[in-house]
C-alpha atoms as a PDB file:
ATOM      1  CA  MET A   1     118.142  59.205 141.113  1.00  0.00           C
ATOM      2  CA  ASP A   2     121.056  61.802 141.152  1.00  0.00           C
ATOM      3  CA  GLN A   3     122.431  60.478 144.570  1.00  0.00           C
ATOM      4  CA  ALA A   4     121.744  56.903 143.569  1.00  0.00           C
ATOM      5  CA  ILE A   5     123.637  57.344 140.300  1.00  0.00           C
ATOM      6  CA  LEU A   6     126.382  58.940 141.968  1.00  0.00           C
ATOM      7  CA  GLN A   7     126.989  56.672 144.822  1.00  0.00           C
ATOM      8  CA  ALA A   8     127.136  53.296 142.531  1.00  0.00           C
ATOM      9  CA  LEU A   9     129.803  55.101 140.512  1.00  0.00           C
ATOM     10  CA  GLU A  10     131.829  55.647 143.911  1.00  0.00           C
ATOM     11  CA  LYS A  11     131.633  51.703 144.715  1.00  0.00           C
ATOM     12  CA  ILE A  12     133.479  50.849 141.633  1.00  0.00           C
ATOM     13  CA  ARG A  13     136.282  53.707 142.279  1.00  0.00           C
ATOM     14  CA  CYS A  14     139.690  52.293 141.858  1.00  0.00           C
ATOM     15  CA  PRO A  15     143.428  53.815 140.763  1.00  0.00           C
ATOM     16  CA  PHE A  16     142.938  53.123 137.286  1.00  0.00           C
ATOM     17  CA  LEU A  17     139.776  54.454 136.971  1.00  0.00           C
ATOM     18  CA  ASP A  18     140.621  57.416 138.919  1.00  0.00           C
ATOM     19  CA  VAL A  19     143.292  58.318 136.300  1.00  0.00           C
ATOM     20  CA  PHE A  20     141.086  57.100 133.174  1.00  0.00           C
ATOM     21  CA  PHE A  21     138.415  59.420 134.261  1.00  0.00           C
ATOM     22  CA  SER A  22     141.080  62.632 135.437  1.00  0.00           C
ATOM     23  CA  VAL A  23     142.208  62.076 131.703  1.00  0.00           C
ATOM     24  CA  PHE A  24     138.699  62.654 130.335  1.00  0.00           C
ATOM     25  CA  THR A  25     137.873  65.308 132.666  1.00  0.00           C
ATOM     26  CA  ALA A  26     141.397  66.955 131.609  1.00  0.00           C
ATOM     27  CA  LEU A  27     140.858  66.806 127.941  1.00  0.00           C
ATOM     28  CA  GLY A  28     137.269  68.117 128.442  1.00  0.00           C
ATOM     29  CA  GLU A  29     138.663  71.018 130.347  1.00  0.00           C
ATOM     30  CA  GLU A  30     137.389  74.940 129.008  1.00  0.00           C
ATOM     31  CA  PHE A  31     140.848  76.194 128.423  1.00  0.00           C
ATOM     32  CA  ILE A  32     141.949  72.721 126.590  1.00  0.00           C
ATOM     33  CA  ILE A  33     138.747  72.740 124.220  1.00  0.00           C
ATOM     34  CA  ALA A  34     139.694  76.626 123.846  1.00  0.00           C
ATOM     35  CA  ALA A  35     143.305  75.584 122.670  1.00  0.00           C
ATOM     36  CA  ILE A  36     141.898  73.318 120.266  1.00  0.00           C
ATOM     37  CA  ILE A  37     139.217  75.723 118.481  1.00  0.00           C
ATOM     38  CA  ALA A  38     142.029  77.929 118.532  1.00  0.00           C
ATOM     39  CA  VAL A  39     144.420  75.513 116.253  1.00  0.00           C
ATOM     40  CA  VAL A  40     141.603  74.739 114.152  1.00  0.00           C
ATOM     41  CA  PHE A  41     140.722  78.284 113.826  1.00  0.00           C
ATOM     42  CA  ILE A  42     144.474  79.449 113.125  1.00  0.00           C
ATOM     43  CA  CYS A  43     145.979  76.196 111.168  1.00  0.00           C
ATOM     44  CA  PHE A  44     143.348  74.367 109.171  1.00  0.00           C
ATOM     45  CA  SER A  45     139.655  75.550 108.849  1.00  0.00           C
ATOM     46  CA  LYS A  46     139.092  79.141 109.884  1.00  0.00           C
ATOM     47  CA  ARG A  47     135.395  78.983 109.284  1.00  0.00           C
ATOM     48  CA  THR A  48     135.003  75.301 111.329  1.00  0.00           C
ATOM     49  CA  GLY A  49     137.170  76.978 114.606  1.00  0.00           C
ATOM     50  CA  GLU A  50     135.163  80.340 114.021  1.00  0.00           C
ATOM     51  CA  GLN A  51     131.920  78.790 114.443  1.00  0.00           C
ATOM     52  CA  ALA A  52     132.806  76.294 117.310  1.00  0.00           C
ATOM     53  CA  LEU A  53     134.321  79.218 118.951  1.00  0.00           C
ATOM     54  CA  LEU A  54     130.849  80.747 118.873  1.00  0.00           C
ATOM     55  CA  THR A  55     129.177  78.326 120.002  1.00  0.00           C
ATOM     56  CA  VAL A  56     130.814  76.930 122.441  1.00  0.00           C
ATOM     57  CA  MET A  57     130.983  80.618 124.064  1.00  0.00           C
ATOM     58  CA  THR A  58     127.385  80.891 123.434  1.00  0.00           C
ATOM     59  CA  ALA A  59     126.800  77.743 125.352  1.00  0.00           C
ATOM     60  CA  SER A  60     129.189  79.033 127.989  1.00  0.00           C
ATOM     61  CA  CYS A  61     127.540  82.177 128.656  1.00  0.00           C
ATOM     62  CA  PHE A  62     124.063  80.496 129.298  1.00  0.00           C
ATOM     63  CA  THR A  63     125.944  77.968 131.484  1.00  0.00           C
ATOM     64  CA  THR A  64     127.866  80.497 133.429  1.00  0.00           C
ATOM     65  CA  GLY A  65     124.600  82.731 134.190  1.00  0.00           C
ATOM     66  CA  ILE A  66     122.877  79.696 134.989  1.00  0.00           C
ATOM     67  CA  LYS A  67     125.744  78.444 137.634  1.00  0.00           C
ATOM     68  CA  SER A  68     125.926  82.061 139.135  1.00  0.00           C
ATOM     69  CA  ALA A  69     122.155  82.300 139.459  1.00  0.00           C
ATOM     70  CA  VAL A  70     121.139  79.078 140.818  1.00  0.00           C
ATOM     71  CA  ARG A  71     124.665  77.907 142.831  1.00  0.00           C
ATOM     72  CA  ARG A  72     123.787  74.192 143.706  1.00  0.00           C
ATOM     73  CA  THR A  73     125.942  73.096 145.799  1.00  0.00           C
ATOM     74  CA  ARG A  74     128.368  70.377 144.376  1.00  0.00           C
ATOM     75  CA  PRO A  75     127.413  66.387 145.617  1.00  0.00           C
ATOM     76  CA  TYR A  76     130.926  65.898 147.789  1.00  0.00           C
ATOM     77  CA  ALA A  77     129.973  69.809 149.371  1.00  0.00           C
ATOM     78  CA  ALA A  78     126.682  68.512 150.171  1.00  0.00           C
ATOM     79  CA  GLY A  79     127.625  64.947 151.440  1.00  0.00           C
ATOM     80  CA  VAL A  80     126.451  62.810 148.899  1.00  0.00           C
ATOM     81  CA  VAL A  81     129.516  61.243 147.800  1.00  0.00           C
ATOM     82  CA  ASP A  82     133.582  61.716 148.513  1.00  0.00           C
ATOM     83  CA  ARG A  83     135.212  63.280 145.460  1.00  0.00           C
ATOM     84  CA  VAL A  84     138.239  62.018 143.716  1.00  0.00           C
ATOM     85  CA  HIS A  85     141.448  64.112 144.573  1.00  0.00           C
ATOM     86  CA  VAL A  86     143.196  65.415 141.354  1.00  0.00           C
ATOM     87  CA  ASP A  87     145.148  68.299 142.078  1.00  0.00           C
ATOM     88  CA  ASN A  88     147.898  69.044 138.994  1.00  0.00           C
ATOM     89  CA  PRO A  89     148.530  71.620 136.343  1.00  0.00           C
ATOM     90  CA  LEU A  90     146.084  70.444 134.031  1.00  0.00           C
ATOM     91  CA  VAL A  91     142.793  69.360 136.441  1.00  0.00           C
ATOM     92  CA  SER A  92     142.095  70.155 140.027  1.00  0.00           C
ATOM     93  CA  THR A  93     139.214  69.000 141.748  1.00  0.00           C
ATOM     94  CA  ALA A  94     140.504  70.870 144.796  1.00  0.00           C
ATOM     95  CA  ASP A  95     140.022  74.610 143.865  1.00  0.00           C
ATOM     96  CA  LEU A  96     136.088  74.224 142.477  1.00  0.00           C
ATOM     97  CA  ASP A  97     133.498  76.663 143.455  1.00  0.00           C
ATOM     98  CA  ALA A  98     131.331  74.506 145.817  1.00  0.00           C
ATOM     99  CA  ASP A  99     128.107  76.217 145.340  1.00  0.00           C
ATOM    100  CA  MET A 100     128.733  76.152 141.193  1.00  0.00           C
ATOM    101  CA  SER A 101     127.352  72.407 140.249  1.00  0.00           C
ATOM    102  CA  PHE A 102     124.643  72.975 137.729  1.00  0.00           C
ATOM    103  CA  PRO A 103     125.084  72.786 134.629  1.00  0.00           C
ATOM    104  CA  SER A 104     128.319  71.255 134.020  1.00  0.00           C
ATOM    105  CA  GLY A 105     130.688  73.684 131.937  1.00  0.00           C
ATOM    106  CA  HIS A 106     133.195  70.598 130.395  1.00  0.00           C
ATOM    107  CA  SER A 107     129.840  69.232 129.838  1.00  0.00           C
ATOM    108  CA  THR A 108     128.619  72.481 127.996  1.00  0.00           C
ATOM    109  CA  ALA A 109     132.068  73.043 126.400  1.00  0.00           C
ATOM    110  CA  THR A 110     132.814  69.529 125.121  1.00  0.00           C
ATOM    111  CA  SER A 111     129.294  68.360 123.370  1.00  0.00           C
ATOM    112  CA  GLY A 112     129.032  72.289 122.121  1.00  0.00           C
ATOM    113  CA  PHE A 113     132.412  71.788 120.202  1.00  0.00           C
ATOM    114  CA  PHE A 114     132.065  68.071 119.404  1.00  0.00           C
ATOM    115  CA  ALA A 115     128.611  68.474 118.027  1.00  0.00           C
ATOM    116  CA  THR A 116     129.644  71.569 115.750  1.00  0.00           C
ATOM    117  CA  LEU A 117     132.710  68.895 114.195  1.00  0.00           C
ATOM    118  CA  ALA A 118     129.897  66.474 113.861  1.00  0.00           C
ATOM    119  CA  ILE A 119     127.204  69.107 112.299  1.00  0.00           C
ATOM    120  CA  ARG A 120     129.739  70.604 109.831  1.00  0.00           C
ATOM    121  CA  LEU A 121     131.354  67.362 108.788  1.00  0.00           C
ATOM    122  CA  ARG A 122     128.464  65.117 109.060  1.00  0.00           C
ATOM    123  CA  ARG A 123     130.374  61.769 108.587  1.00  0.00           C
ATOM    124  CA  PRO A 124     129.644  58.621 110.721  1.00  0.00           C
ATOM    125  CA  LEU A 125     132.895  57.945 111.746  1.00  0.00           C
ATOM    126  CA  VAL A 126     133.300  61.701 113.157  1.00  0.00           C
ATOM    127  CA  ILE A 127     129.819  60.972 114.592  1.00  0.00           C
ATOM    128  CA  ALA A 128     130.604  58.296 116.420  1.00  0.00           C
ATOM    129  CA  LEU A 129     134.147  59.164 117.843  1.00  0.00           C
ATOM    130  CA  SER A 130     132.302  62.879 118.864  1.00  0.00           C
ATOM    131  CA  ALA A 131     129.407  61.347 121.181  1.00  0.00           C
ATOM    132  CA  VAL A 132     131.668  58.460 122.854  1.00  0.00           C
ATOM    133  CA  PHE A 133     134.178  61.167 123.784  1.00  0.00           C
ATOM    134  CA  VAL A 134     131.391  63.417 125.127  1.00  0.00           C
ATOM    135  CA  LEU A 135     129.656  60.638 127.087  1.00  0.00           C
ATOM    136  CA  LEU A 136     133.244  59.880 128.586  1.00  0.00           C
ATOM    137  CA  VAL A 137     133.722  63.622 129.716  1.00  0.00           C
ATOM    138  CA  MET A 138     130.113  63.997 130.878  1.00  0.00           C
ATOM    139  CA  LEU A 139     131.356  60.279 133.240  1.00  0.00           C
ATOM    140  CA  SER A 140     133.900  61.703 134.548  1.00  0.00           C
ATOM    141  CA  ARG A 141     132.555  64.632 136.095  1.00  0.00           C
ATOM    142  CA  LEU A 142     130.123  62.067 137.817  1.00  0.00           C
ATOM    143  CA  TYR A 143     132.539  59.776 138.683  1.00  0.00           C
ATOM    144  CA  LEU A 144     135.148  62.350 140.456  1.00  0.00           C
ATOM    145  CA  GLY A 145     131.945  63.316 142.638  1.00  0.00           C
ATOM    146  CA  VAL A 146     132.018  67.034 141.331  1.00  0.00           C
ATOM    147  CA  HIS A 147     128.441  67.140 139.293  1.00  0.00           C
ATOM    148  CA  TYR A 148     125.032  65.531 139.371  1.00  0.00           C
ATOM    149  CA  PRO A 149     123.844  63.218 136.209  1.00  0.00           C
ATOM    150  CA  THR A 150     121.241  66.005 136.158  1.00  0.00           C
ATOM    151  CA  ASP A 151     123.900  69.095 135.978  1.00  0.00           C
ATOM    152  CA  VAL A 152     125.949  67.005 132.915  1.00  0.00           C
ATOM    153  CA  LEU A 153     122.392  66.185 130.915  1.00  0.00           C
ATOM    154  CA  THR A 154     122.242  70.128 131.085  1.00  0.00           C
ATOM    155  CA  GLY A 155     125.227  70.826 129.829  1.00  0.00           C
ATOM    156  CA  LEU A 156     124.864  68.588 127.183  1.00  0.00           C
ATOM    157  CA  CYS A 157     121.682  70.008 126.123  1.00  0.00           C
ATOM    158  CA  ILE A 158     122.678  73.497 126.281  1.00  0.00           C
ATOM    159  CA  GLY A 159     125.885  72.751 123.822  1.00  0.00           C
ATOM    160  CA  VAL A 160     123.915  70.787 121.560  1.00  0.00           C
ATOM    161  CA  ALA A 161     121.098  73.369 121.069  1.00  0.00           C
ATOM    162  CA  CYS A 162     123.409  76.198 120.653  1.00  0.00           C
ATOM    163  CA  ALA A 163     125.583  74.107 118.221  1.00  0.00           C
ATOM    164  CA  PHE A 164     122.646  73.616 115.847  1.00  0.00           C
ATOM    165  CA  LEU A 165     121.307  77.360 116.462  1.00  0.00           C
ATOM    166  CA  TRP A 166     125.053  78.642 114.695  1.00  0.00           C
ATOM    167  CA  GLN A 167     124.665  75.845 111.810  1.00  0.00           C
ATOM    168  CA  LEU A 168     120.955  77.935 111.448  1.00  0.00           C
ATOM    169  CA  ILE A 169     122.442  81.385 111.556  1.00  0.00           C
ATOM    170  CA  TYR A 170     125.743  80.185 109.451  1.00  0.00           C
ATOM    171  CA  THR A 171     123.031  78.704 107.220  1.00  0.00           C
ATOM    172  CA  LYS A 172     120.691  81.548 106.618  1.00  0.00           C
ATOM    173  CA  TRP A 173     122.046  84.573 108.109  1.00  0.00           C
ATOM    174  CA  TYR A 174     126.002  84.089 107.861  1.00  0.00           C
ATOM    175  CA  GLY A 175     126.488  87.845 106.713  1.00  0.00           C
ATOM    176  CA  ALA A 176     124.734  88.960 110.974  1.00  0.00           C
ATOM    177  CA  ARG A 177     126.485  86.181 112.589  1.00  0.00           C
ATOM    178  CA  LEU A 178     128.913  87.940 114.569  1.00  0.00           C
ATOM    179  CA  TYR A 179     126.606  91.147 115.107  1.00  0.00           C
ATOM    180  CA  VAL A 180     124.525  88.316 117.008  1.00  0.00           C
ATOM    181  CA  TYR A 181     127.476  86.639 118.636  1.00  0.00           C
ATOM    182  CA  LEU A 182     128.282  90.714 119.767  1.00  0.00           C
ATOM    183  CA  GLY A 183     125.120  90.697 121.343  1.00  0.00           C
ATOM    184  CA  ILE A 184     125.303  87.711 123.122  1.00  0.00           C
ATOM    185  CA  GLY A 185     128.105  89.222 124.504  1.00  0.00           C
ATOM    186  CA  LEU A 186     126.536  92.456 125.652  1.00  0.00           C
ATOM    187  CA  LEU A 187     123.604  90.877 127.192  1.00  0.00           C
ATOM    188  CA  THR A 188     126.355  89.214 129.883  1.00  0.00           C
ATOM    189  CA  LEU A 189     127.137  93.216 131.063  1.00  0.00           C
ATOM    190  CA  PRO A 190     124.344  93.150 132.925  1.00  0.00           C
ATOM    191  CA  LEU A 191     124.878  90.142 134.958  1.00  0.00           C
ATOM    192  CA  LEU A 192     128.314  91.848 136.461  1.00  0.00           C
ATOM    193  CA  PHE A 193     126.123  94.344 137.831  1.00  0.00           C
ATOM    194  CA  ILE A 194     124.121  92.089 140.360  1.00  0.00           C
ATOM    195  CA  GLU A 195     125.634  90.501 143.270  1.00  0.00           C
ATOM    196  CA  ARG A 196     124.277  87.301 143.168  1.00  0.00           C
ATOM    197  CA  THR A 197     125.644  86.926 139.502  1.00  0.00           C
ATOM    198  CA  ALA A 198     128.984  88.708 139.508  1.00  0.00           C
ATOM    199  CA  THR A 199     130.990  85.784 140.258  1.00  0.00           C
ATOM    200  CA  HIS A 200     134.629  85.598 138.619  1.00  0.00           C
ATOM    201  CA  SER A 201     133.228  83.154 135.843  1.00  0.00           C
ATOM    202  CA  MET A 202     131.073  85.198 134.373  1.00  0.00           C
ATOM    203  CA  PHE A 203     133.720  88.172 134.464  1.00  0.00           C
ATOM    204  CA  GLN A 204     135.794  85.928 132.391  1.00  0.00           C
ATOM    205  CA  ILE A 205     133.354  84.800 130.023  1.00  0.00           C
ATOM    206  CA  SER A 206     131.886  88.335 129.533  1.00  0.00           C
ATOM    207  CA  ALA A 207     135.338  89.327 128.743  1.00  0.00           C
ATOM    208  CA  ILE A 208     135.978  86.504 126.491  1.00  0.00           C
ATOM    209  CA  THR A 209     132.752  86.777 124.682  1.00  0.00           C
ATOM    210  CA  LEU A 210     133.186  90.625 124.422  1.00  0.00           C
ATOM    211  CA  ALA A 211     136.880  90.033 123.100  1.00  0.00           C
ATOM    212  CA  THR A 212     136.205  87.467 120.703  1.00  0.00           C
ATOM    213  CA  ALA A 213     132.982  89.431 119.340  1.00  0.00           C
ATOM    214  CA  ALA A 214     135.100  92.430 118.924  1.00  0.00           C
ATOM    215  CA  GLY A 215     138.277  90.875 117.364  1.00  0.00           C
ATOM    216  CA  LEU A 216     136.550  88.637 114.567  1.00  0.00           C
ATOM    217  CA  LEU A 217     134.677  92.290 113.258  1.00  0.00           C
ATOM    218  CA  LEU A 218     137.654  93.778 113.187  1.00  0.00           C
ATOM    219  CA  GLU A 219     139.573  91.150 111.779  1.00  0.00           C
ATOM    220  CA  GLU A 220     137.122  90.465 109.052  1.00  0.00           C
ATOM    221  CA  LYS A 221     136.509  93.730 107.737  1.00  0.00           C
ATOM    222  CA  PHE A 222     139.947  95.085 107.705  1.00  0.00           C
ATOM    223  CA  PHE A 223     142.819  92.298 107.716  1.00  0.00           C
ATOM    224  CA  PRO A 224     141.075  88.658 107.036  1.00  0.00           C
ATOM    225  CA  PHE A 225     143.341  85.746 106.734  1.00  0.00           C
ATOM    226  CA  ALA A 226     142.800  82.881 104.355  1.00  0.00           C
ATOM    227  CA  ASP A 227     143.246  78.827 105.730  1.00  0.00           C
ATOM    228  CA  THR A 228     146.568  77.509 105.166  1.00  0.00           C
ATOM    229  CA  LYS A 229     147.848  74.259 103.782  1.00  0.00           C
ATOM    230  CA  LYS A 230     151.744  74.946 104.617  1.00  0.00           C
ATOM    231  CA  TRP A 231     152.898  73.101 107.988  1.00  0.00           C
ATOM    232  CA  LEU A 232     155.485  75.959 108.131  1.00  0.00           C
ATOM    233  CA  HIS A 233     152.827  78.755 107.861  1.00  0.00           C
ATOM    234  CA  ARG A 234     150.941  77.017 110.428  1.00  0.00           C
ATOM    235  CA  LEU A 235     153.839  76.648 112.804  1.00  0.00           C
ATOM    236  CA  PHE A 236     154.143  80.561 111.976  1.00  0.00           C
ATOM    237  CA  ARG A 237     151.048  81.505 112.921  1.00  0.00           C
ATOM    238  CA  LEU A 238     150.759  79.791 116.361  1.00  0.00           C
ATOM    239  CA  LEU A 239     153.755  81.404 117.300  1.00  0.00           C
ATOM    240  CA  ILE A 240     152.802  84.813 116.480  1.00  0.00           C
ATOM    241  CA  VAL A 241     149.366  84.545 118.219  1.00  0.00           C
ATOM    242  CA  GLY A 242     151.149  83.341 121.244  1.00  0.00           C
ATOM    243  CA  GLY A 243     153.486  85.513 121.632  1.00  0.00           C
ATOM    244  CA  VAL A 244     150.885  88.396 120.614  1.00  0.00           C
ATOM    245  CA  ALA A 245     148.823  86.945 123.828  1.00  0.00           C
ATOM    246  CA  ALA A 246     151.943  86.679 126.082  1.00  0.00           C
ATOM    247  CA  VAL A 247     153.060  90.120 125.562  1.00  0.00           C
ATOM    248  CA  PHE A 248     149.618  91.723 126.444  1.00  0.00           C
ATOM    249  CA  PHE A 249     149.119  88.896 129.367  1.00  0.00           C
ATOM    250  CA  LEU A 250     151.632  88.612 131.509  1.00  0.00           C
ATOM    251  CA  PRO A 251     152.807  92.292 132.027  1.00  0.00           C
ATOM    252  CA  MET A 252     148.782  92.228 132.923  1.00  0.00           C
ATOM    253  CA  GLU A 253     149.049  89.594 135.547  1.00  0.00           C
ATOM    254  CA  PHE A 254     152.093  90.779 137.238  1.00  0.00           C
ATOM    255  CA  LEU A 255     150.910  94.551 136.970  1.00  0.00           C
ATOM    256  CA  LEU A 256     147.324  95.191 137.752  1.00  0.00           C
ATOM    257  CA  PRO A 257     145.832  95.123 140.984  1.00  0.00           C
ATOM    258  CA  GLU A 258     143.184  92.304 142.376  1.00  0.00           C
ATOM    259  CA  GLY A 259     140.097  92.899 141.485  1.00  0.00           C
ATOM    260  CA  GLU A 260     137.329  91.563 138.806  1.00  0.00           C
ATOM    261  CA  TRP A 261     137.345  94.066 137.038  1.00  0.00           C
ATOM    262  CA  PHE A 262     141.294  94.338 136.733  1.00  0.00           C
ATOM    263  CA  SER A 263     140.724  90.060 134.830  1.00  0.00           C
ATOM    264  CA  PHE A 264     138.044  91.530 133.175  1.00  0.00           C
ATOM    265  CA  LEU A 265     140.322  94.056 131.304  1.00  0.00           C
ATOM    266  CA  LYS A 266     143.721  91.391 131.247  1.00  0.00           C
ATOM    267  CA  TYR A 267     141.257  88.785 129.689  1.00  0.00           C
ATOM    268  CA  PHE A 268     139.677  91.198 127.168  1.00  0.00           C
ATOM    269  CA  LEU A 269     143.071  92.940 125.896  1.00  0.00           C
ATOM    270  CA  THR A 270     144.754  89.518 125.726  1.00  0.00           C
ATOM    271  CA  LEU A 271     142.119  88.034 123.091  1.00  0.00           C
ATOM    272  CA  PHE A 272     141.316  91.244 121.665  1.00  0.00           C
ATOM    273  CA  ALA A 273     144.853  91.355 120.663  1.00  0.00           C
ATOM    274  CA  GLY A 274     145.141  88.114 119.443  1.00  0.00           C
ATOM    275  CA  LEU A 275     142.591  88.496 117.198  1.00  0.00           C
ATOM    276  CA  THR A 276     143.663  91.709 115.714  1.00  0.00           C
ATOM    277  CA  ILE A 277     147.277  92.002 115.619  1.00  0.00           C
ATOM    278  CA  ALA A 278     148.546  88.642 114.935  1.00  0.00           C
ATOM    279  CA  PRO A 279     146.180  88.579 111.663  1.00  0.00           C
ATOM    280  CA  LEU A 280     147.618  91.883 110.711  1.00  0.00           C
ATOM    281  CA  LEU A 281     151.276  90.138 111.348  1.00  0.00           C
ATOM    282  CA  TYR A 282     149.956  87.083 109.128  1.00  0.00           C
ATOM    283  CA  LYS A 283     149.032  89.540 106.163  1.00  0.00           C
ATOM    284  CA  ILE A 284     152.195  91.716 106.448  1.00  0.00           C
ATOM    285  CA  PHE A 285     154.254  88.174 106.496  1.00  0.00           C
ATOM    286  CA  LYS A 286     152.370  86.663 103.815  1.00  0.00           C
ATOM    287  CA  ILE A 287     151.601  83.757 105.894  1.00  0.00           C
END
């Protein structure tokens, strides 16, 4: 069934659909979802942004761990279908790890984020649009030939399950939420010492999860910031967090040697600084 669906989609490929589905794959990229969450967290609703962040990161930890352990060959690499060649700054099918097909990271991150929005807002239009967007991202991964249907369906289940899990935690155990999240981050560390699961993606997701956990705990305790409705303040907040992240990331990008642990350090320090130094500056400048 997996192969039959992909081969049926391959038969309807055309230039218009190539562009159409490439756009939705780009919008479902993990870094795009992360950027949207950051804007929500910093500029609009801190609680919604935080819950979306914890949901997506938890789901991504599960997905990355499974990907690294299972190592399923992607459809195009297995000769099931040809992939649609896309290679631009936003999305590429040219530089994917050929053995990291199951589950789909795009489906996981997208479904986790939009399920969180749907659960929190509970408006019919939001729920409908979220469902359509997630389905189009999932379909785009099949159309491009980089995932099987079971890959995207599993990613969907993981993302939605994590959204409901974190809604329960926020409802019942709000005060312990960041410690639960820290615990999830710590569980990724042993996977970095097992040869099969010590992939580049695993090092990245572990660093990001631990950095956000530590940063959110310190921010909440020492320099919490509140939501603002002033657009100028929102703009300055984005500029500050972007500047702080750049100050830490760029020197390490050029000066640190190659290696997974150096990559871990780079991502950890950049995100930790963004979640601690930026909120401190918000308080200092009263924005």
